[in-house]
Amino acid sequence: MIRTAQTFASPVVQAKGWINGISFPPDRPLIDVSQAAPVDLPPEGLRQAIADAALNDPGAHLYGPVLGLPELRHEVATRFSASYGGDISAGQVCITSGCNHAFCAAMMSLTGEGDEVILPTPWYFNHKMWLDMTGVKAVPLPAGAGMLPDPDQAKALITDRTRAIVLVTPNNPCGAEYPAGLIASFRDIARAAGIALVVDETYREFHSVSGAPHDLFTDPDWDDTLIQLYSFSKAYRLTGHRVGAMVASPARLKQVEKFIDTVTICPNQLAQRAALWGMRNLDQWLAGERDEILDRRAAIAEGFPVLADKGWKLLGAGAYFAYLEHPFERPSVQLAQDMVGAVGVLALPGAMFMPEDDPAGQRQLRIAFANVDRDGIAQLYDRLAGLRPALSALVPNRVSS
């Protein structure tokens, strides 16, 4: 069978189709909490640096090293070594065309047809899609209390075909921040089994805990097990430029190099220069961005009683995300579509982040609040609080759920 036919349709593309042809009144515009990407422009200084590079740096328009700009690899190694209290060399860093590209490259270097990778659920759907398309079995590891995965359950899932355990922290879609001790337990299990631990830290800059979120890099032998993935997109608003990073052993990166050379030849040159300028110049600005996201997270928790009174549950909140359990009988995909017309809210259903046979996804919704401030969150809650009567009015012949 054709490989792309092995997986489901792109969830974000599918959800955006739900608003096609619908007009929203000026006094009640659409609240779009479907996609975890900042819509504001990068800071002016960063945009100017991109323009200057485009005009004045000939190398910005040519092929570059497959594993990335040496200056950027060195900057990542130096800064991550300092922030994590470990020892990372530039030879253990490669630059990728976004974090999804980094994940695909890591999986291509780890797996073959029929192999297995353990993914905690709810999972990031693009991870599942890539595994589907490459003939790799995604083994679900259901989240427990606090939306945290259990290392002992993961250990029980390991077979002779398991090649990796993947963690996303802070988590997409549920926002959970995995404690350092929990992450270390997964590292120990992976190391004992001779498999990789892949830690996707796309939202690292918006972790609520100051300082290092884990101590994996303090282990001098970290690269025998750990592969870290990172994105500059969320930190510096560079989503459209597609620039990410992988931190792994030099031997792993030799294999990754083959994949990158075949797919993109090299990372985007302007994007790499933008990421480098951002790392060198935007620490204070980024601290402000983090404060704003943490304030929105606080607003999610502080305002939630208005929904709790209507039967909703807040399962997790962190980074860009709140993960909710809804009180309706209709499945989450249908509810998410009905919400557009009923209350002008576009969110992603939990079913898009779960195995088809897991009923929990039918009761869940992901809210991506990166582009919704405190006032917007209050408006969102007001609309969701009035969802039951709005649904009845939208579909008068349907039994109210």
Protein backbone atom coordinates (compact mmCIF):
# COMPACT_ATOMS: atom_id res chain seq x y z
CA MET A 1 0.00 0.00 0.00
CA ILE A 2 1.13 3.58 -0.65
CA ARG A 3 3.01 4.85 2.40
CA THR A 4 1.13 8.12 2.81
CA ALA A 5 -2.13 6.17 2.75
CA GLN A 6 -0.98 4.36 5.91
CA THR A 7 -1.83 7.36 8.08
CA PHE A 8 -4.63 9.83 8.71
CA ALA A 9 -5.25 13.24 7.18
CA SER A 10 -3.34 16.19 8.61
CA PRO A 11 -5.35 17.27 11.68
CA VAL A 12 -4.59 20.99 11.40
CA VAL A 13 -5.47 21.04 7.68
CA GLN A 14 -8.65 19.14 8.44
CA ALA A 15 -9.65 21.52 11.24
CA LYS A 16 -8.95 24.62 9.16
CA GLY A 17 -11.41 23.22 6.62
CA TRP A 18 -14.17 23.45 9.22
CA ILE A 19 -14.17 27.26 8.99
CA ASN A 20 -14.19 27.47 5.19
CA GLY A 21 -17.16 29.51 3.97
CA ILE A 22 -18.21 30.58 7.46
CA SER A 23 -18.46 34.30 8.26
CA PHE A 24 -17.99 35.50 11.81
CA PRO A 25 -19.55 38.82 12.89
CA PRO A 26 -17.15 41.66 13.80
CA ASP A 27 -18.49 41.77 17.35
CA ARG A 28 -17.95 38.00 17.77
CA PRO A 29 -14.90 37.00 15.75
CA LEU A 30 -13.58 33.47 15.56
CA ILE A 31 -11.43 32.41 18.52
CA ASP A 32 -8.88 30.14 16.87
CA VAL A 33 -7.11 27.96 19.43
CA SER A 34 -6.36 25.13 17.01
CA GLN A 35 -2.68 25.58 16.17
CA ALA A 36 0.32 25.96 18.44
CA ALA A 37 2.16 28.63 16.50
CA PRO A 38 2.69 32.32 17.29
CA VAL A 39 1.09 34.58 14.69
CA ASP A 40 2.91 37.77 15.69
CA LEU A 41 5.95 38.80 13.66
CA PRO A 42 9.47 38.27 14.96
CA PRO A 43 10.97 41.31 16.72
CA GLU A 44 12.00 44.08 14.36
CA GLY A 45 15.69 43.58 15.10
CA LEU A 46 15.46 39.96 14.05
CA ARG A 47 13.59 40.83 10.88
CA GLN A 48 16.26 43.41 10.10
CA ALA A 49 18.98 40.79 10.63
CA ILE A 50 17.21 38.51 8.14
CA ALA A 51 16.96 41.35 5.63
CA ASP A 52 20.61 42.28 6.09
CA ALA A 53 21.68 38.68 5.57
CA ALA A 54 19.54 38.41 2.44
CA LEU A 55 21.10 41.57 1.01
CA ASN A 56 24.68 41.34 2.16
CA ASP A 57 25.65 37.74 2.97
CA PRO A 58 26.30 35.73 -0.21
CA GLY A 59 26.39 32.50 1.78
CA ALA A 60 22.75 32.97 2.76
CA HIS A 61 21.74 32.03 -0.78
CA LEU A 62 23.95 28.97 -1.29
CA TYR A 63 24.00 25.40 -0.15
CA GLY A 64 25.64 25.11 3.25
CA PRO A 65 26.93 22.28 5.42
CA VAL A 66 24.44 19.43 5.65
CA LEU A 67 24.47 19.44 9.46
CA GLY A 68 24.12 23.17 9.69
CA LEU A 69 25.94 26.48 10.08
CA PRO A 70 29.05 25.87 12.23
CA GLU A 71 28.51 29.09 14.20
CA LEU A 72 24.95 28.08 15.08
CA ARG A 73 25.95 24.55 16.07
CA HIS A 74 28.63 26.01 18.33
CA GLU A 75 26.20 28.51 19.85
CA VAL A 76 23.66 25.79 20.63
CA ALA A 77 26.35 23.57 22.17
CA THR A 78 27.75 26.38 24.31
CA ARG A 79 24.41 27.68 25.54
CA PHE A 80 22.85 24.27 26.17
CA SER A 81 25.97 23.13 28.04
CA ALA A 82 25.62 26.14 30.31
CA SER A 83 21.87 25.93 30.80
CA TYR A 84 21.78 22.17 31.45
CA GLY A 85 25.05 22.02 33.40
CA GLY A 86 26.47 19.43 31.04
CA ASP A 87 29.08 18.96 28.35
CA ILE A 88 27.81 19.27 24.78
CA SER A 89 30.12 19.81 21.82
CA ALA A 90 29.33 21.34 18.46
CA GLY A 91 29.96 17.88 16.98
CA GLN A 92 26.94 16.65 18.95
CA VAL A 93 24.60 19.26 17.43
CA CYS A 94 22.98 19.42 14.02
CA ILE A 95 20.56 21.98 12.62
CA THR A 96 17.36 20.80 10.95
CA SER A 97 14.49 22.27 8.97
CA GLY A 98 12.25 22.53 12.01
CA CYS A 99 11.70 20.14 14.91
CA ASN A 100 9.41 17.84 12.92
CA HIS A 101 12.30 17.36 10.49
CA ALA A 102 14.55 16.56 13.45
CA PHE A 103 12.10 13.91 14.65
CA CYS A 104 11.87 12.33 11.20
CA ALA A 105 15.65 12.31 10.89
CA ALA A 106 16.05 10.72 14.32
CA MET A 107 13.51 8.01 13.53
CA MET A 108 15.13 7.26 10.17
CA SER A 109 18.43 6.72 11.98
CA LEU A 110 16.85 4.44 14.60
CA THR A 111 14.18 2.31 12.97
CA GLY A 112 13.43 -0.12 10.19
CA GLU A 113 10.24 -1.56 8.78
CA GLY A 114 8.28 -3.37 11.51
CA ASP A 115 10.16 -1.81 14.42
CA GLU A 116 8.37 -0.20 17.37
CA VAL A 117 8.55 3.17 19.11
CA ILE A 118 6.78 3.92 22.39
CA LEU A 119 4.75 7.14 22.34
CA PRO A 120 2.94 8.42 25.45
CA THR A 121 -0.69 9.30 24.76
CA PRO A 122 -2.15 11.72 24.04
CA TRP A 123 0.60 11.88 21.44
CA TYR A 124 1.75 14.60 19.07
CA PHE A 125 -0.02 13.54 15.88
CA ASN A 126 2.84 14.36 13.49
CA HIS A 127 5.03 11.86 15.36
CA LYS A 128 2.41 9.18 14.88
CA MET A 129 1.95 10.10 11.21
CA TRP A 130 5.65 9.75 10.43
CA LEU A 131 5.87 6.36 12.11
CA ASP A 132 2.80 5.19 10.19
CA MET A 133 4.27 6.28 6.87
CA THR A 134 7.59 4.55 7.51
CA GLY A 135 6.12 1.22 8.60
CA VAL A 136 7.04 1.65 12.26
CA LYS A 137 4.52 0.66 14.92
CA ALA A 138 3.65 3.39 17.43
CA VAL A 139 3.07 1.69 20.78
CA PRO A 140 0.78 3.82 22.95
CA LEU A 141 1.72 4.50 26.56
CA PRO A 142 -1.40 5.98 28.24
CA ALA A 143 -0.85 8.95 30.51
CA GLY A 144 -1.70 8.55 34.16
CA ALA A 145 -2.28 11.04 36.97
CA GLY A 146 -1.35 14.58 36.02
CA MET A 147 -1.09 13.46 32.37
CA LEU A 148 2.29 11.89 33.18
CA PRO A 149 3.50 8.60 31.64
CA ASP A 150 4.59 5.74 33.90
CA PRO A 151 8.15 4.43 33.37
CA ASP A 152 7.22 0.98 34.68
CA GLN A 153 4.41 0.70 32.15
CA ALA A 154 6.84 1.75 29.43
CA LYS A 155 9.29 -0.92 30.54
CA ALA A 156 6.57 -3.55 30.23
CA LEU A 157 5.91 -2.46 26.63
CA ILE A 158 9.50 -2.95 25.43
CA THR A 159 10.02 -5.84 23.02
CA ASP A 160 12.90 -6.98 20.85
CA ARG A 161 11.54 -4.65 18.13
CA THR A 162 11.46 -1.51 20.32
CA ARG A 163 13.94 1.11 19.18
CA ALA A 164 13.03 4.22 21.17
CA ILE A 165 10.84 5.91 23.75
CA VAL A 166 9.71 9.43 22.83
CA LEU A 167 8.88 12.11 25.40
CA VAL A 168 7.58 15.62 24.64
CA THR A 169 8.03 18.04 27.54
CA PRO A 170 6.42 20.48 28.07
CA ASN A 171 3.91 18.27 26.38
CA ASN A 172 2.00 18.80 23.18
CA PRO A 173 -1.00 18.40 23.40
CA CYS A 174 -1.66 18.36 27.14
CA GLY A 175 0.88 20.89 28.44
CA ALA A 176 2.25 18.62 31.18
CA GLU A 177 5.80 19.31 32.33
CA TYR A 178 7.61 16.06 33.08
CA PRO A 179 9.58 16.21 36.36
CA ALA A 180 13.34 15.77 36.08
CA GLY A 181 13.24 12.56 38.09
CA LEU A 182 10.61 11.07 35.79
CA ILE A 183 12.66 11.87 32.70
CA ALA A 184 15.74 10.33 34.33
CA SER A 185 13.76 7.15 35.04
CA PHE A 186 12.89 6.87 31.35
CA ARG A 187 16.58 7.39 30.49
CA ASP A 188 17.56 4.56 32.83
CA ILE A 189 14.97 2.20 31.32
CA ALA A 190 16.01 3.06 27.78
CA ARG A 191 19.69 2.62 28.56
CA ALA A 192 19.12 -0.75 30.21
CA ALA A 193 17.15 -1.90 27.17
CA GLY A 194 19.72 -0.59 24.69
CA ILE A 195 17.24 1.75 23.02
CA ALA A 196 17.13 5.52 22.54
CA LEU A 197 15.31 8.08 24.64
CA VAL A 198 14.14 10.89 22.35
CA VAL A 199 13.18 14.06 24.27
CA ASP A 200 11.37 16.70 22.22
CA GLU A 201 11.79 20.07 23.97
CA THR A 202 10.12 22.31 21.39
CA TYR A 203 8.49 24.34 24.19
CA ARG A 204 11.49 24.36 26.54
CA GLU A 205 11.64 28.17 26.65
CA PHE A 206 8.16 28.29 28.22
CA HIS A 207 8.74 25.82 31.05
CA SER A 208 7.37 27.14 34.34
CA VAL A 209 10.45 26.06 36.30
CA SER A 210 13.46 28.35 36.05
CA GLY A 211 16.73 26.60 35.34
CA ALA A 212 17.38 23.24 33.72
CA PRO A 213 14.21 21.14 33.26
CA HIS A 214 16.25 17.92 33.62
CA ASP A 215 19.79 16.79 34.37
CA LEU A 216 20.34 14.28 31.55
CA PHE A 217 23.25 16.22 30.08
CA THR A 218 25.18 16.11 33.37
CA ASP A 219 25.78 12.42 32.70
CA PRO A 220 29.14 12.24 30.86
CA ASP A 221 27.80 9.32 28.80
CA TRP A 222 24.50 11.02 27.91
CA ASP A 223 24.86 10.49 24.18
CA ASP A 224 24.77 6.70 24.40
CA THR A 225 21.00 6.97 24.96
CA LEU A 226 19.67 10.53 24.70
CA ILE A 227 18.57 12.34 21.55
CA GLN A 228 17.24 15.83 22.23
CA LEU A 229 15.08 17.72 19.73
CA TYR A 230 14.58 21.49 19.77
CA SER A 231 12.81 24.23 17.81
CA PHE A 232 13.76 27.85 17.30
CA SER A 233 10.33 28.48 15.80
CA LYS A 234 8.39 29.00 19.01
CA ALA A 235 11.16 30.87 20.84
CA TYR A 236 11.82 33.47 18.13
CA ARG A 237 8.58 33.37 16.08
CA LEU A 238 10.35 31.72 13.15
CA THR A 239 7.70 29.11 12.34
CA GLY A 240 7.64 29.88 8.62
CA HIS A 241 11.43 29.74 8.38
CA ARG A 242 11.63 26.10 9.52
CA VAL A 243 14.68 25.82 11.77
CA GLY A 244 15.25 23.33 14.56
CA ALA A 245 18.04 21.28 16.10
CA MET A 246 19.02 17.81 17.25
CA VAL A 247 21.54 17.04 19.98
CA ALA A 248 22.91 13.50 19.80
CA SER A 249 26.09 11.44 19.48
CA PRO A 250 28.44 12.14 16.56
CA ALA A 251 27.80 8.58 15.37
CA ARG A 252 24.05 9.23 15.33
CA LEU A 253 24.53 12.48 13.43
CA LYS A 254 26.54 10.65 10.78
CA GLN A 255 23.41 8.64 10.04
CA VAL A 256 21.16 11.70 10.30
CA GLU A 257 23.40 13.48 7.79
CA LYS A 258 22.37 10.98 5.12
CA PHE A 259 18.70 11.76 5.68
CA ILE A 260 19.13 15.55 5.68
CA ASP A 261 21.32 15.46 2.56
CA THR A 262 18.66 13.43 0.76
CA VAL A 263 15.61 15.45 1.85
CA THR A 264 16.67 19.10 2.21
CA ILE A 265 20.42 19.04 1.37
CA CYS A 266 20.97 21.61 4.11
CA PRO A 267 18.91 23.65 6.57
CA ASN A 268 17.51 26.97 5.37
CA GLN A 269 20.35 29.47 5.35
CA LEU A 270 18.39 32.62 6.25
CA ALA A 271 16.60 30.73 9.01
CA GLN A 272 19.90 29.62 10.53
CA ARG A 273 21.24 33.16 10.54
CA ALA A 274 17.99 34.32 12.14
CA ALA A 275 18.24 31.68 14.87
CA LEU A 276 21.86 32.59 15.55
CA TRP A 277 21.03 36.31 15.83
CA GLY A 278 18.12 35.49 18.11
CA MET A 279 20.24 33.38 20.46
CA ARG A 280 22.85 36.13 20.68
CA ASN A 281 20.55 39.13 21.04
CA LEU A 282 17.09 38.25 22.34
CA ASP A 283 17.53 36.80 25.82
CA GLN A 284 15.73 39.67 27.53
CA TRP A 285 12.96 39.75 24.94
CA LEU A 286 12.52 35.96 25.22
CA ALA A 287 12.25 36.25 29.01
CA GLY A 288 9.35 38.62 28.46
CA GLU A 289 7.71 36.18 26.05
CA ARG A 290 8.04 33.44 28.66
CA ASP A 291 6.48 35.65 31.33
CA GLU A 292 3.51 36.34 29.03
CA ILE A 293 2.93 32.65 28.28
CA LEU A 294 3.17 31.78 31.99
CA ASP A 295 0.64 34.52 32.75
CA ARG A 296 -1.74 33.03 30.19
CA ARG A 297 -1.24 29.62 31.78
CA ALA A 298 -2.16 31.17 35.11
CA ALA A 299 -5.26 32.71 33.53
CA ILE A 300 -6.27 29.28 32.22
CA ALA A 301 -6.22 27.87 35.76
CA GLU A 302 -7.67 30.93 37.51
CA GLY A 303 -10.66 31.24 35.21
CA PHE A 304 -11.45 27.55 34.91
CA PRO A 305 -14.09 27.36 37.70
CA VAL A 306 -16.62 28.88 35.27
CA LEU A 307 -16.22 25.75 33.12
CA ALA A 308 -15.85 23.35 36.03
CA ASP A 309 -19.33 24.42 37.12
CA LYS A 310 -20.58 23.21 33.71
CA GLY A 311 -18.95 19.80 34.02
CA TRP A 312 -15.64 20.44 32.26
CA LYS A 313 -12.31 19.19 33.65
CA LEU A 314 -8.86 20.72 33.23
CA LEU A 315 -6.55 17.75 32.63
CA GLY A 316 -3.36 19.68 31.96
CA ALA A 317 -1.96 23.14 31.25
CA GLY A 318 1.50 24.33 30.30
CA ALA A 319 3.60 25.84 27.53
CA TYR A 320 1.07 26.75 24.80
CA PHE A 321 -1.62 24.25 25.79
CA ALA A 322 -4.62 23.47 27.95
CA TYR A 323 -6.12 20.00 27.68
CA LEU A 324 -9.78 19.69 28.61
CA GLU A 325 -12.34 16.97 29.19
CA HIS A 326 -15.75 18.07 27.93
CA PRO A 327 -19.12 17.10 29.44
CA PHE A 328 -21.01 16.26 26.23
CA GLU A 329 -22.10 12.91 24.84
CA ARG A 330 -21.14 13.67 21.27
CA PRO A 331 -17.61 12.60 20.24
CA SER A 332 -14.87 15.19 20.27
CA VAL A 333 -14.49 15.46 16.48
CA GLN A 334 -18.19 16.23 16.09
CA LEU A 335 -18.14 18.59 19.04
CA ALA A 336 -15.13 20.49 17.69
CA GLN A 337 -16.90 20.99 14.35
CA ASP A 338 -20.15 22.04 16.01
CA MET A 339 -18.32 24.55 18.24
CA VAL A 340 -17.36 26.59 15.18
CA GLY A 341 -20.94 27.40 14.25
CA ALA A 342 -22.36 27.37 17.76
CA VAL A 343 -19.91 29.64 19.60
CA GLY A 344 -17.22 30.63 17.08
CA VAL A 345 -14.39 28.58 18.63
CA LEU A 346 -11.97 26.41 16.64
CA ALA A 347 -10.12 23.82 18.75
CA LEU A 348 -8.69 20.39 18.04
CA PRO A 349 -10.48 17.28 19.30
CA GLY A 350 -8.69 14.85 21.57
CA ALA A 351 -9.40 12.03 19.13
CA MET A 352 -6.71 13.54 16.88
CA PHE A 353 -4.12 12.82 19.59
CA MET A 354 -5.19 9.31 20.58
CA PRO A 355 -5.40 5.79 19.14
CA GLU A 356 -8.69 5.15 17.37
CA ASP A 357 -9.70 2.52 19.92
CA ASP A 358 -9.07 4.73 22.98
CA PRO A 359 -12.40 6.22 24.10
CA ALA A 360 -10.71 8.90 26.22
CA GLY A 361 -9.98 10.96 23.11
CA GLN A 362 -13.68 11.30 22.43
CA ARG A 363 -14.10 13.33 25.61
CA GLN A 364 -11.10 15.64 25.20
CA LEU A 365 -10.17 18.92 23.49
CA ARG A 366 -6.85 20.71 23.06
CA ILE A 367 -6.76 24.48 23.52
CA ALA A 368 -3.64 26.19 22.10
CA PHE A 369 -3.58 29.57 23.87
CA ALA A 370 -0.35 31.05 22.52
CA ASN A 371 -2.30 33.68 20.57
CA VAL A 372 -5.03 34.31 23.16
CA ASP A 373 -4.27 36.77 25.98
CA ARG A 374 -6.04 37.00 29.36
CA ASP A 375 -9.02 38.84 27.87
CA GLY A 376 -9.21 36.30 25.05
CA ILE A 377 -9.12 33.42 27.53
CA ALA A 378 -11.99 35.00 29.45
CA GLN A 379 -13.98 35.32 26.21
CA LEU A 380 -13.15 31.71 25.33
CA TYR A 381 -14.41 30.49 28.68
CA ASP A 382 -17.55 32.59 28.36
CA ARG A 383 -18.34 30.99 25.01
CA LEU A 384 -17.60 27.45 26.20
CA ALA A 385 -19.72 27.99 29.31
CA GLY A 386 -22.65 28.75 27.02
CA LEU A 387 -21.96 25.90 24.64
CA ARG A 388 -24.79 23.58 25.68
CA PRO A 389 -27.67 25.93 24.81
CA ALA A 390 -25.77 27.15 21.74
CA LEU A 391 -25.49 23.58 20.46
CA SER A 392 -29.20 23.02 20.97
CA ALA A 393 -29.97 26.17 19.02
CA LEU A 394 -27.55 25.19 16.25
CA VAL A 395 -29.12 21.77 15.73
CA PRO A 396 -32.68 22.04 17.05
CA ASN A 397 -33.69 18.57 15.92
CA ARG A 398 -30.80 16.83 17.63
CA VAL A 399 -31.30 15.55 21.16
CA SER A 400 -29.35 17.91 23.45
CA SER A 401 -26.11 16.34 24.62
